[in-house]
Amino acid sequence: MFQSITRFSTTVFLTWVLIATPIAAEERSQEAIDALRSFFDALGVDRYGDGSLEKVVTDDFVIFEMGQEFTLDEFKRFLESANYSEWVSTQWQLSNHSVWADENAAHIHYHNTGVFVYPDLNQSAQLTQQDNFWLESAFFVREEGQLKLKFLQSENVYRKQQLIAEPVPVE
């Protein structure tokens, strides 16, 4: 009798593991993708500076961008040097995600297609559109119950700039 109960319990447990594991893995993967999107949402010019960015990264966050290593503060100074607060729009389309995730960490590598519109540094009435394609990799750790971005590596594969508006004459 005891062996029958043990076999039944083992069968029920293994069935639960086989059913629950793919769901849990899928949920963890989606949570990681959502955390990645939250980073880019917070980085967008319409939200940049509202404190959202600091909430989605770890205190020791590092980004490798354009062959340079930046902490969050260094990256923000880099953005300021490009007059980021004056940019008209930033859009990112994240695709082809490959996700590894467990309950405490996640790694994603993905494609990022970005379109930026910003004023020319020399003629602010002249707008430039920059189209980019990056290969990127992000590592998240769980802090205070949420996945936070700890490391981002970005490799620009393609960049094209074009003027999209003529300068407005100064009167």
N, C-alpha and C. Protein backbone atom coordinates (compact mmCIF):
# COMPACT_ATOMS: atom_id res chain seq x y z
N MET A 1 0.82 -1.19 0.00
CA MET A 1 0.00 0.00 0.00
C MET A 1 0.87 1.26 0.00
N PHE A 2 1.90 1.27 0.85
CA PHE A 2 2.78 2.44 0.94
C PHE A 2 3.47 2.70 -0.41
N GLN A 3 3.91 1.61 -1.09
CA GLN A 3 4.56 1.77 -2.40
C GLN A 3 3.59 2.34 -3.43
N SER A 4 2.34 1.95 -3.39
CA SER A 4 1.34 2.48 -4.31
C SER A 4 1.13 3.97 -4.09
N ILE A 5 1.05 4.39 -2.83
CA ILE A 5 0.88 5.81 -2.51
C ILE A 5 2.11 6.59 -2.95
N THR A 6 3.29 6.01 -2.70
CA THR A 6 4.55 6.67 -3.09
C THR A 6 4.61 6.82 -4.61
N ARG A 7 4.28 5.76 -5.34
CA ARG A 7 4.28 5.84 -6.81
C ARG A 7 3.27 6.86 -7.29
N PHE A 8 2.08 6.86 -6.70
CA PHE A 8 1.06 7.82 -7.08
C PHE A 8 1.54 9.24 -6.80
N SER A 9 2.10 9.48 -5.61
CA SER A 9 2.60 10.81 -5.25
C SER A 9 3.72 11.23 -6.19
N THR A 10 4.61 10.32 -6.50
CA THR A 10 5.70 10.62 -7.42
C THR A 10 5.16 10.95 -8.80
N THR A 11 4.18 10.20 -9.27
CA THR A 11 3.57 10.45 -10.58
C THR A 11 2.90 11.82 -10.60
N VAL A 12 2.15 12.13 -9.55
CA VAL A 12 1.48 13.43 -9.47
C VAL A 12 2.53 14.55 -9.46
N PHE A 13 3.58 14.40 -8.66
CA PHE A 13 4.62 15.41 -8.57
C PHE A 13 5.31 15.59 -9.92
N LEU A 14 5.71 14.52 -10.58
CA LEU A 14 6.39 14.62 -11.88
C LEU A 14 5.48 15.23 -12.93
N THR A 15 4.19 14.87 -12.90
CA THR A 15 3.24 15.48 -13.83
C THR A 15 3.15 16.97 -13.59
N TRP A 16 3.08 17.37 -12.32
CA TRP A 16 3.03 18.80 -11.98
C TRP A 16 4.29 19.51 -12.46
N VAL A 17 5.46 18.91 -12.25
CA VAL A 17 6.72 19.51 -12.70
C VAL A 17 6.73 19.66 -14.21
N LEU A 18 6.32 18.64 -14.92
CA LEU A 18 6.32 18.69 -16.39
C LEU A 18 5.34 19.74 -16.91
N ILE A 19 4.23 19.91 -16.23
CA ILE A 19 3.24 20.90 -16.66
C ILE A 19 3.65 22.30 -16.21
N ALA A 20 4.09 22.44 -14.97
CA ALA A 20 4.37 23.76 -14.40
C ALA A 20 5.67 24.36 -14.90
N THR A 21 6.67 23.55 -15.17
CA THR A 21 7.98 24.09 -15.56
C THR A 21 7.92 24.91 -16.83
N PRO A 22 7.31 24.43 -17.92
CA PRO A 22 7.26 25.30 -19.11
C PRO A 22 6.50 26.60 -18.86
N ILE A 23 5.44 26.54 -18.06
CA ILE A 23 4.69 27.76 -17.77
C ILE A 23 5.56 28.71 -16.96
N ALA A 24 6.23 28.20 -15.94
CA ALA A 24 7.10 29.04 -15.12
C ALA A 24 8.24 29.61 -15.96
N ALA A 25 8.83 28.81 -16.82
CA ALA A 25 9.92 29.28 -17.67
C ALA A 25 9.41 30.36 -18.63
N GLU A 26 8.23 30.15 -19.19
CA GLU A 26 7.65 31.14 -20.10
C GLU A 26 7.34 32.44 -19.36
N GLU A 27 6.82 32.33 -18.15
CA GLU A 27 6.54 33.53 -17.35
C GLU A 27 7.82 34.28 -16.99
N ARG A 28 8.88 33.55 -16.63
CA ARG A 28 10.16 34.19 -16.31
C ARG A 28 10.75 34.86 -17.53
N SER A 29 10.64 34.21 -18.69
CA SER A 29 11.13 34.82 -19.93
C SER A 29 10.38 36.10 -20.25
N GLN A 30 9.06 36.07 -20.09
CA GLN A 30 8.26 37.27 -20.35
C GLN A 30 8.58 38.37 -19.35
N GLU A 31 8.80 38.00 -18.10
CA GLU A 31 9.18 38.99 -17.09
C GLU A 31 10.49 39.67 -17.48
N ALA A 32 11.45 38.89 -17.99
CA ALA A 32 12.75 39.45 -18.41
C ALA A 32 12.57 40.40 -19.59
N ILE A 33 11.77 40.01 -20.57
CA ILE A 33 11.52 40.87 -21.73
C ILE A 33 10.81 42.14 -21.29
N ASP A 34 9.86 42.03 -20.37
CA ASP A 34 9.17 43.21 -19.85
C ASP A 34 10.15 44.14 -19.12
N ALA A 35 11.08 43.56 -18.36
CA ALA A 35 12.08 44.37 -17.66
C ALA A 35 12.99 45.09 -18.66
N LEU A 36 13.33 44.42 -19.75
CA LEU A 36 14.14 45.05 -20.79
C LEU A 36 13.38 46.22 -21.42
N ARG A 37 12.12 45.99 -21.73
CA ARG A 37 11.30 47.07 -22.31
C ARG A 37 11.16 48.24 -21.33
N SER A 38 11.06 47.93 -20.05
CA SER A 38 10.97 48.99 -19.04
C SER A 38 12.21 49.87 -19.05
N PHE A 39 13.37 49.27 -19.27
CA PHE A 39 14.60 50.06 -19.36
C PHE A 39 14.52 51.03 -20.53
N PHE A 40 14.13 50.56 -21.70
CA PHE A 40 14.07 51.43 -22.87
C PHE A 40 12.94 52.46 -22.75
N ASP A 41 11.84 52.08 -22.11
CA ASP A 41 10.77 53.05 -21.86
C ASP A 41 11.30 54.18 -20.97
N ALA A 42 12.04 53.82 -19.92
CA ALA A 42 12.60 54.82 -19.00
C ALA A 42 13.68 55.67 -19.66
N LEU A 43 14.36 55.10 -20.64
CA LEU A 43 15.42 55.82 -21.35
C LEU A 43 14.86 56.76 -22.41
N GLY A 44 13.64 56.53 -22.87
CA GLY A 44 13.03 57.36 -23.92
C GLY A 44 12.95 58.83 -23.51
N VAL A 45 13.09 59.72 -24.49
CA VAL A 45 13.13 61.16 -24.19
C VAL A 45 11.85 61.66 -23.51
N ASP A 46 10.73 60.99 -23.73
CA ASP A 46 9.49 61.45 -23.10
C ASP A 46 9.45 61.13 -21.60
N ARG A 47 10.29 60.22 -21.11
CA ARG A 47 10.32 59.88 -19.68
C ARG A 47 11.67 60.14 -19.04
N TYR A 48 12.68 60.36 -19.85
CA TYR A 48 14.04 60.52 -19.32
C TYR A 48 14.08 61.66 -18.30
N GLY A 49 14.69 61.39 -17.17
CA GLY A 49 14.82 62.41 -16.13
C GLY A 49 13.73 62.37 -15.08
N ASP A 50 12.74 61.47 -15.23
CA ASP A 50 11.65 61.43 -14.24
C ASP A 50 11.92 60.44 -13.10
N GLY A 51 13.12 59.86 -13.07
CA GLY A 51 13.49 58.91 -12.02
C GLY A 51 13.22 57.47 -12.36
N SER A 52 12.57 57.21 -13.48
CA SER A 52 12.23 55.83 -13.86
C SER A 52 13.47 54.99 -14.15
N LEU A 53 14.46 55.60 -14.77
CA LEU A 53 15.66 54.86 -15.16
C LEU A 53 16.37 54.29 -13.94
N GLU A 54 16.49 55.07 -12.91
CA GLU A 54 17.17 54.63 -11.69
C GLU A 54 16.44 53.48 -11.01
N LYS A 55 15.14 53.35 -11.25
CA LYS A 55 14.35 52.29 -10.62
C LYS A 55 14.48 50.94 -11.32
N VAL A 56 14.95 50.93 -12.56
CA VAL A 56 15.00 49.67 -13.32
C VAL A 56 16.41 49.13 -13.50
N VAL A 57 17.41 49.81 -12.94
CA VAL A 57 18.79 49.33 -13.00
C VAL A 57 19.33 49.14 -11.59
N THR A 58 20.36 48.31 -11.47
CA THR A 58 21.02 48.10 -10.19
C THR A 58 21.92 49.29 -9.88
N ASP A 59 22.33 49.41 -8.63
CA ASP A 59 23.24 50.49 -8.25
C ASP A 59 24.60 50.38 -8.95
N ASP A 60 24.98 49.15 -9.30
CA ASP A 60 26.28 48.95 -9.97
C ASP A 60 26.12 48.69 -11.48
N PHE A 61 25.03 49.18 -12.06
CA PHE A 61 24.75 49.03 -13.49
C PHE A 61 25.94 49.50 -14.33
N VAL A 62 26.23 48.73 -15.40
CA VAL A 62 27.28 49.07 -16.36
C VAL A 62 26.72 48.85 -17.76
N ILE A 63 27.04 49.76 -18.66
CA ILE A 63 26.68 49.60 -20.07
C ILE A 63 27.95 49.74 -20.90
N PHE A 64 28.11 48.83 -21.87
CA PHE A 64 29.17 48.94 -22.87
C PHE A 64 28.51 49.41 -24.14
N GLU A 65 28.82 50.61 -24.53
CA GLU A 65 28.21 51.27 -25.69
C GLU A 65 29.33 51.97 -26.46
N MET A 66 29.36 51.81 -27.76
CA MET A 66 30.33 52.48 -28.62
C MET A 66 31.77 52.22 -28.17
N GLY A 67 32.03 51.00 -27.74
CA GLY A 67 33.38 50.63 -27.32
C GLY A 67 33.81 51.21 -26.00
N GLN A 68 32.89 51.80 -25.24
CA GLN A 68 33.23 52.40 -23.95
C GLN A 68 32.38 51.80 -22.85
N GLU A 69 32.93 51.79 -21.65
CA GLU A 69 32.21 51.34 -20.47
C GLU A 69 31.69 52.55 -19.72
N PHE A 70 30.39 52.51 -19.37
CA PHE A 70 29.76 53.61 -18.64
C PHE A 70 29.02 53.07 -17.43
N THR A 71 29.12 53.74 -16.30
CA THR A 71 28.18 53.54 -15.20
C THR A 71 26.93 54.33 -15.59
N LEU A 72 25.88 54.23 -14.80
CA LEU A 72 24.67 54.98 -15.11
C LEU A 72 24.95 56.49 -15.12
N ASP A 73 25.66 56.98 -14.11
CA ASP A 73 25.96 58.41 -14.07
C ASP A 73 26.81 58.85 -15.26
N GLU A 74 27.79 58.03 -15.63
CA GLU A 74 28.62 58.36 -16.80
C GLU A 74 27.80 58.34 -18.08
N PHE A 75 26.89 57.39 -18.20
CA PHE A 75 26.05 57.30 -19.39
C PHE A 75 25.12 58.51 -19.47
N LYS A 76 24.59 58.93 -18.34
CA LYS A 76 23.73 60.11 -18.32
C LYS A 76 24.52 61.36 -18.72
N ARG A 77 25.76 61.47 -18.26
CA ARG A 77 26.60 62.61 -18.68
C ARG A 77 26.88 62.56 -20.18
N PHE A 78 27.09 61.34 -20.71
CA PHE A 78 27.28 61.18 -22.15
C PHE A 78 26.04 61.66 -22.91
N LEU A 79 24.86 61.27 -22.44
CA LEU A 79 23.62 61.71 -23.08
C LEU A 79 23.48 63.23 -23.01
N GLU A 80 23.81 63.80 -21.88
CA GLU A 80 23.75 65.26 -21.73
C GLU A 80 24.69 65.95 -22.73
N SER A 81 25.86 65.36 -22.97
CA SER A 81 26.80 65.96 -23.92
C SER A 81 26.26 65.94 -25.35
N ALA A 82 25.28 65.06 -25.60
CA ALA A 82 24.63 65.00 -26.92
C ALA A 82 23.32 65.78 -26.92
N ASN A 83 23.10 66.63 -25.91
CA ASN A 83 21.87 67.42 -25.78
C ASN A 83 20.62 66.55 -25.81
N TYR A 84 20.69 65.41 -25.13
CA TYR A 84 19.61 64.43 -25.16
C TYR A 84 18.27 65.03 -24.74
N SER A 85 18.27 65.93 -23.80
CA SER A 85 17.01 66.52 -23.34
C SER A 85 16.31 67.33 -24.43
N GLU A 86 17.03 67.69 -25.49
CA GLU A 86 16.47 68.45 -26.61
C GLU A 86 16.00 67.56 -27.76
N TRP A 87 16.24 66.26 -27.66
CA TRP A 87 15.86 65.36 -28.74
C TRP A 87 14.34 65.34 -28.89
N VAL A 88 13.89 65.16 -30.11
CA VAL A 88 12.46 65.15 -30.42
C VAL A 88 11.83 63.80 -30.11
N SER A 89 12.50 62.72 -30.51
CA SER A 89 11.93 61.40 -30.27
C SER A 89 13.02 60.32 -30.25
N THR A 90 12.70 59.26 -29.52
CA THR A 90 13.52 58.05 -29.48
C THR A 90 12.57 56.87 -29.55
N GLN A 91 12.86 55.93 -30.43
CA GLN A 91 12.04 54.73 -30.56
C GLN A 91 12.95 53.53 -30.69
N TRP A 92 12.62 52.48 -29.97
CA TRP A 92 13.36 51.23 -30.06
C TRP A 92 12.38 50.11 -30.35
N GLN A 93 12.77 49.23 -31.25
CA GLN A 93 11.99 48.02 -31.51
C GLN A 93 12.90 46.84 -31.17
N LEU A 94 12.53 46.09 -30.15
CA LEU A 94 13.32 44.96 -29.68
C LEU A 94 12.74 43.69 -30.27
N SER A 95 13.61 42.83 -30.83
CA SER A 95 13.11 41.62 -31.49
C SER A 95 14.12 40.49 -31.36
N ASN A 96 13.71 39.32 -31.82
CA ASN A 96 14.56 38.12 -31.86
C ASN A 96 15.19 37.84 -30.50
N HIS A 97 14.38 37.89 -29.46
CA HIS A 97 14.87 37.66 -28.10
C HIS A 97 15.28 36.20 -27.92
N SER A 98 16.39 35.99 -27.29
CA SER A 98 16.78 34.68 -26.79
C SER A 98 16.99 34.86 -25.29
N VAL A 99 16.17 34.17 -24.50
CA VAL A 99 16.13 34.44 -23.07
C VAL A 99 16.52 33.19 -22.28
N TRP A 100 17.36 33.41 -21.30
CA TRP A 100 17.62 32.43 -20.25
C TRP A 100 17.19 33.11 -18.96
N ALA A 101 16.39 32.43 -18.17
CA ALA A 101 15.93 33.05 -16.92
C ALA A 101 15.67 31.98 -15.87
N ASP A 102 16.00 32.33 -14.63
CA ASP A 102 15.55 31.53 -13.50
C ASP A 102 14.90 32.50 -12.51
N GLU A 103 14.67 32.06 -11.29
CA GLU A 103 13.95 32.93 -10.37
C GLU A 103 14.77 34.12 -9.87
N ASN A 104 16.10 34.11 -10.05
CA ASN A 104 16.94 35.18 -9.51
C ASN A 104 17.66 36.02 -10.54
N ALA A 105 17.71 35.58 -11.79
CA ALA A 105 18.48 36.31 -12.80
C ALA A 105 17.95 35.97 -14.19
N ALA A 106 18.33 36.80 -15.15
CA ALA A 106 17.93 36.56 -16.54
C ALA A 106 18.99 37.16 -17.47
N HIS A 107 19.16 36.51 -18.60
CA HIS A 107 20.04 37.02 -19.65
C HIS A 107 19.25 36.99 -20.95
N ILE A 108 19.35 38.09 -21.70
CA ILE A 108 18.66 38.18 -22.99
C ILE A 108 19.65 38.67 -24.02
N HIS A 109 19.69 38.02 -25.17
CA HIS A 109 20.34 38.68 -26.31
C HIS A 109 19.27 38.86 -27.36
N TYR A 110 19.38 39.98 -28.11
CA TYR A 110 18.27 40.41 -28.95
C TYR A 110 18.77 41.40 -29.99
N HIS A 111 17.89 41.72 -30.92
CA HIS A 111 18.13 42.78 -31.91
C HIS A 111 17.40 44.03 -31.45
N ASN A 112 18.01 45.17 -31.70
CA ASN A 112 17.41 46.44 -31.34
C ASN A 112 17.49 47.36 -32.55
N THR A 113 16.35 47.79 -33.03
CA THR A 113 16.28 48.75 -34.12
C THR A 113 15.79 50.06 -33.54
N GLY A 114 16.58 51.11 -33.68
CA GLY A 114 16.24 52.38 -33.07
C GLY A 114 16.19 53.51 -34.07
N VAL A 115 15.26 54.43 -33.85
CA VAL A 115 15.14 55.63 -34.68
C VAL A 115 15.12 56.83 -33.74
N PHE A 116 16.06 57.74 -33.95
CA PHE A 116 16.16 58.95 -33.14
C PHE A 116 15.97 60.17 -34.03
N VAL A 117 15.28 61.16 -33.51
CA VAL A 117 15.14 62.45 -34.20
C VAL A 117 15.62 63.51 -33.22
N TYR A 118 16.56 64.33 -33.69
CA TYR A 118 17.14 65.34 -32.80
C TYR A 118 17.59 66.55 -33.60
N PRO A 119 17.70 67.70 -32.93
CA PRO A 119 18.16 68.91 -33.61
C PRO A 119 19.66 68.85 -33.86
N ASP A 120 20.07 69.43 -34.96
CA ASP A 120 21.49 69.55 -35.27
C ASP A 120 22.15 70.42 -34.21
N LEU A 121 23.35 70.05 -33.78
CA LEU A 121 24.04 70.83 -32.75
C LEU A 121 24.35 72.25 -33.20
N ASN A 122 24.57 72.45 -34.50
CA ASN A 122 24.91 73.77 -35.02
C ASN A 122 23.70 74.58 -35.46
N GLN A 123 22.64 73.90 -35.88
CA GLN A 123 21.41 74.57 -36.33
C GLN A 123 20.22 73.86 -35.68
N SER A 124 19.76 74.37 -34.57
CA SER A 124 18.73 73.66 -33.80
C SER A 124 17.41 73.51 -34.55
N ALA A 125 17.16 74.33 -35.55
CA ALA A 125 15.92 74.19 -36.33
C ALA A 125 16.02 73.06 -37.34
N GLN A 126 17.22 72.58 -37.60
CA GLN A 126 17.45 71.48 -38.54
C GLN A 126 17.36 70.15 -37.79
N LEU A 127 16.47 69.27 -38.23
CA LEU A 127 16.33 67.98 -37.57
C LEU A 127 17.07 66.90 -38.33
N THR A 128 17.63 65.99 -37.57
CA THR A 128 18.31 64.82 -38.12
C THR A 128 17.59 63.58 -37.63
N GLN A 129 17.42 62.63 -38.54
CA GLN A 129 16.90 61.32 -38.16
C GLN A 129 18.04 60.33 -38.26
N GLN A 130 18.22 59.57 -37.21
CA GLN A 130 19.27 58.55 -37.17
C GLN A 130 18.61 57.19 -37.03
N ASP A 131 18.88 56.30 -37.98
CA ASP A 131 18.38 54.93 -37.94
C ASP A 131 19.53 54.02 -37.52
N ASN A 132 19.29 53.14 -36.56
CA ASN A 132 20.32 52.26 -36.02
C ASN A 132 19.84 50.82 -35.95
N PHE A 133 20.80 49.92 -36.00
CA PHE A 133 20.55 48.51 -35.73
C PHE A 133 21.67 48.03 -34.82
N TRP A 134 21.29 47.49 -33.65
CA TRP A 134 22.27 46.99 -32.70
C TRP A 134 22.03 45.51 -32.42
N LEU A 135 23.11 44.81 -32.09
CA LEU A 135 23.04 43.50 -31.46
C LEU A 135 23.34 43.76 -29.99
N GLU A 136 22.46 43.29 -29.12
CA GLU A 136 22.61 43.63 -27.71
C GLU A 136 22.42 42.41 -26.81
N SER A 137 22.98 42.55 -25.63
CA SER A 137 22.89 41.51 -24.61
C SER A 137 22.66 42.20 -23.27
N ALA A 138 21.74 41.68 -22.48
CA ALA A 138 21.40 42.30 -21.20
C ALA A 138 21.35 41.23 -20.12
N PHE A 139 21.86 41.60 -18.93
CA PHE A 139 21.84 40.71 -17.78
C PHE A 139 21.08 41.38 -16.65
N PHE A 140 20.12 40.67 -16.09
CA PHE A 140 19.27 41.18 -15.02
C PHE A 140 19.46 40.34 -13.76
N VAL A 141 19.32 40.97 -12.62
CA VAL A 141 19.29 40.26 -11.34
C VAL A 141 18.04 40.71 -10.58
N ARG A 142 17.55 39.82 -9.72
CA ARG A 142 16.37 40.15 -8.95
C ARG A 142 16.79 40.91 -7.70
N GLU A 143 16.22 42.10 -7.54
CA GLU A 143 16.43 42.92 -6.36
C GLU A 143 15.08 43.43 -5.90
N GLU A 144 14.82 43.27 -4.62
CA GLU A 144 13.56 43.75 -4.05
C GLU A 144 12.35 43.23 -4.82
N GLY A 145 12.44 41.98 -5.27
CA GLY A 145 11.32 41.34 -5.93
C GLY A 145 11.16 41.62 -7.41
N GLN A 146 12.02 42.46 -7.99
CA GLN A 146 11.89 42.74 -9.43
C GLN A 146 13.23 42.55 -10.13
N LEU A 147 13.15 42.21 -11.41
CA LEU A 147 14.36 42.11 -12.21
C LEU A 147 14.86 43.51 -12.53
N LYS A 148 16.14 43.73 -12.24
CA LYS A 148 16.76 45.02 -12.54
C LYS A 148 17.96 44.78 -13.45
N LEU A 149 18.17 45.71 -14.37
CA LEU A 149 19.25 45.59 -15.34
C LEU A 149 20.58 45.87 -14.65
N LYS A 150 21.49 44.92 -14.77
CA LYS A 150 22.82 45.04 -14.17
C LYS A 150 23.87 45.35 -15.23
N PHE A 151 23.69 44.79 -16.43
CA PHE A 151 24.70 44.92 -17.47
C PHE A 151 24.03 44.94 -18.84
N LEU A 152 24.47 45.85 -19.68
CA LEU A 152 23.98 45.93 -21.06
C LEU A 152 25.17 46.10 -21.98
N GLN A 153 25.26 45.25 -22.98
CA GLN A 153 26.31 45.36 -24.00
C GLN A 153 25.62 45.64 -25.31
N SER A 154 26.07 46.67 -26.00
CA SER A 154 25.43 47.10 -27.24
C SER A 154 26.48 47.26 -28.33
N GLU A 155 26.24 46.61 -29.45
CA GLU A 155 27.14 46.71 -30.60
C GLU A 155 26.36 47.25 -31.79
N ASN A 156 26.70 48.46 -32.21
CA ASN A 156 26.01 49.07 -33.35
C ASN A 156 26.50 48.41 -34.64
N VAL A 157 25.57 47.86 -35.39
CA VAL A 157 25.89 47.18 -36.64
C VAL A 157 25.65 48.11 -37.83
N TYR A 158 24.67 49.01 -37.69
CA TYR A 158 24.27 49.87 -38.80
C TYR A 158 23.82 51.22 -38.24
N ARG A 159 24.26 52.28 -38.90
CA ARG A 159 23.80 53.63 -38.54
C ARG A 159 23.69 54.46 -39.82
N LYS A 160 22.55 55.13 -39.96
CA LYS A 160 22.33 56.02 -41.10
C LYS A 160 21.71 57.30 -40.57
N GLN A 161 22.24 58.43 -40.99
CA GLN A 161 21.69 59.72 -40.60
C GLN A 161 21.23 60.47 -41.84
N GLN A 162 20.12 61.18 -41.67
CA GLN A 162 19.62 61.99 -42.78
C GLN A 162 18.89 63.21 -42.22
N LEU A 163 18.98 64.31 -42.94
CA LEU A 163 18.24 65.51 -42.56
C LEU A 163 16.78 65.30 -42.93
N ILE A 164 15.87 65.72 -42.04
CA ILE A 164 14.46 65.50 -42.33
C ILE A 164 13.66 66.80 -42.33
N ALA A 165 14.30 67.92 -42.04
CA ALA A 165 13.61 69.20 -42.09
C ALA A 165 14.63 70.28 -42.47
N GLU A 166 14.18 71.21 -43.24
CA GLU A 166 15.06 72.33 -43.63
C GLU A 166 15.14 73.33 -42.48
N PRO A 167 16.28 74.00 -42.35
CA PRO A 167 16.39 75.01 -41.30
C PRO A 167 15.35 76.12 -41.48
N VAL A 168 14.79 76.55 -40.39
CA VAL A 168 13.85 77.65 -40.40
C VAL A 168 14.65 78.95 -40.35
N PRO A 169 14.38 79.91 -41.28
CA PRO A 169 15.14 81.15 -41.28
C PRO A 169 14.93 81.93 -39.97
N VAL A 170 16.00 82.44 -39.44
CA VAL A 170 15.93 83.25 -38.22
C VAL A 170 15.60 84.67 -38.62
N GLU A 171 14.58 85.26 -38.01
CA GLU A 171 14.16 86.63 -38.35
C GLU A 171 14.67 87.62 -37.33
